């Protein structure tokens, strides 16, 4: 498994394609997930990917409390990863350090 740091939107897409290999799995919900604090807010954003490939998000915080998951398309997910690449890259760096 190669850990990819987001340096371009293409690399964000590559990371999404490897989502199931890189991020935690929720046995109960049967999905992989990644959560982080969104850029410019104090909201926690959780991005989820189901085995079928469906992508969803959920926001929690002062600015937003989603009732459930919102389905997003690949382009929306790429944009989310691109905008929040600093937070996601920190998560990837921790994974790289822990895998040594």
Protein backbone atom coordinates (compact mmCIF):
# COMPACT_ATOMS: atom_id res chain seq x y z
CA UNK A 1 0.00 0.00 0.00
CA UNK A 2 1.37 3.36 -1.03
CA UNK A 3 0.21 6.35 0.98
CA UNK A 4 -0.50 9.33 -1.24
CA UNK A 5 -0.24 12.90 -0.02
CA UNK A 6 -2.60 15.27 -1.80
CA UNK A 7 -0.60 17.65 -3.99
CA UNK A 8 -3.06 17.87 -6.88
CA UNK A 9 -6.69 17.07 -7.64
CA UNK A 10 -5.51 14.00 -9.55
CA UNK A 11 -3.80 12.73 -6.40
CA UNK A 12 -6.99 13.47 -4.45
CA UNK A 13 -8.81 11.24 -6.93
CA UNK A 14 -6.15 8.53 -6.52
CA UNK A 15 -6.57 8.70 -2.75
CA UNK A 16 -10.34 8.30 -3.05
CA UNK A 17 -9.77 5.25 -5.26
CA UNK A 18 -7.64 3.73 -2.46
CA UNK A 19 -10.05 4.81 0.29
CA UNK A 20 -10.89 1.24 1.31
CA UNK A 21 -7.21 0.37 1.73
CA UNK A 22 -6.25 3.47 3.72
CA UNK A 23 -9.01 4.42 6.11
CA UNK A 24 -10.84 2.85 9.03
CA UNK A 25 -13.70 0.38 8.53
CA UNK A 26 -16.98 0.62 10.42
CA UNK A 27 -18.22 -2.96 10.90
CA UNK A 28 -21.66 -1.81 12.00
CA UNK A 29 -22.24 0.56 9.09
CA UNK A 30 -20.22 -1.54 6.64
CA UNK A 31 -18.25 1.41 5.25
CA UNK A 32 -14.80 2.97 5.35
CA UNK A 33 -14.57 6.44 6.82
CA UNK A 34 -12.27 9.39 7.35
CA UNK A 35 -13.01 12.32 9.64
CA UNK A 36 -11.25 15.63 10.13
CA UNK A 37 -11.92 19.27 11.04
CA UNK A 38 -12.96 21.22 7.96
CA UNK A 39 -10.84 24.12 6.82
CA UNK A 40 -12.14 27.50 8.06
CA UNK A 41 -14.73 25.95 10.42
CA UNK A 42 -14.86 23.99 13.63
CA UNK A 43 -17.08 21.39 11.96
CA UNK A 44 -16.05 17.76 11.91
CA UNK A 45 -16.53 16.32 8.45
CA UNK A 46 -16.80 12.58 8.01
CA UNK A 47 -16.34 11.21 4.50
CA UNK A 48 -17.55 7.65 4.01
CA UNK A 49 -17.22 5.16 1.17
CA UNK A 50 -19.32 2.03 0.88
CA UNK A 51 -18.11 -1.19 -0.79
CA UNK A 52 -20.44 -0.34 -3.70
CA UNK A 53 -18.41 2.85 -4.26
CA UNK A 54 -21.10 5.24 -2.96
CA UNK A 55 -19.56 8.28 -1.26
CA UNK A 56 -21.30 10.15 1.55
CA UNK A 57 -20.53 12.97 3.99
CA UNK A 58 -21.78 14.08 7.38
CA UNK A 59 -21.01 17.38 9.11
CA UNK A 60 -21.13 18.02 12.85
CA UNK A 61 -20.30 21.19 14.70
CA UNK A 62 -21.39 24.70 15.53
CA UNK A 63 -22.18 25.56 11.90
CA UNK A 64 -23.89 22.33 10.90
CA UNK A 65 -25.42 19.18 12.31
CA UNK A 66 -26.50 16.87 9.52
CA UNK A 67 -29.29 14.46 10.40
CA UNK A 68 -27.66 11.72 8.38
CA UNK A 69 -25.35 11.06 5.50
CA UNK A 70 -25.53 13.05 2.27
CA UNK A 71 -24.60 11.24 -0.93
CA UNK A 72 -21.94 13.06 -2.97
CA UNK A 73 -20.40 12.34 -6.35
CA UNK A 74 -16.73 11.80 -7.08
CA UNK A 75 -16.15 15.41 -8.19
CA UNK A 76 -17.64 16.73 -4.94
CA UNK A 77 -15.43 14.37 -2.96
CA UNK A 78 -12.34 15.46 -4.90
CA UNK A 79 -13.21 19.10 -4.12
CA UNK A 80 -13.65 18.29 -0.42
CA UNK A 81 -10.29 16.49 -0.34
CA UNK A 82 -8.59 19.31 -2.24
CA UNK A 83 -9.96 22.08 -0.01
CA UNK A 84 -9.09 20.11 3.14
CA UNK A 85 -5.81 18.63 1.88
CA UNK A 86 -3.75 20.01 4.79
CA UNK A 87 -5.88 18.15 7.35
CA UNK A 88 -5.99 14.98 5.26
CA UNK A 89 -2.25 15.10 4.59
CA UNK A 90 -1.64 15.29 8.36
CA UNK A 91 -3.69 12.11 8.79
CA UNK A 92 -1.69 10.42 6.02
CA UNK A 93 1.60 11.55 7.60
CA UNK A 94 0.53 9.96 10.91
CA UNK A 95 -0.32 6.73 9.07
CA UNK A 96 3.07 6.79 7.35
CA UNK A 97 4.82 7.28 10.70
CA UNK A 98 2.81 4.50 12.36
CA UNK A 99 3.55 2.06 9.51
CA UNK A 100 7.34 2.36 9.85
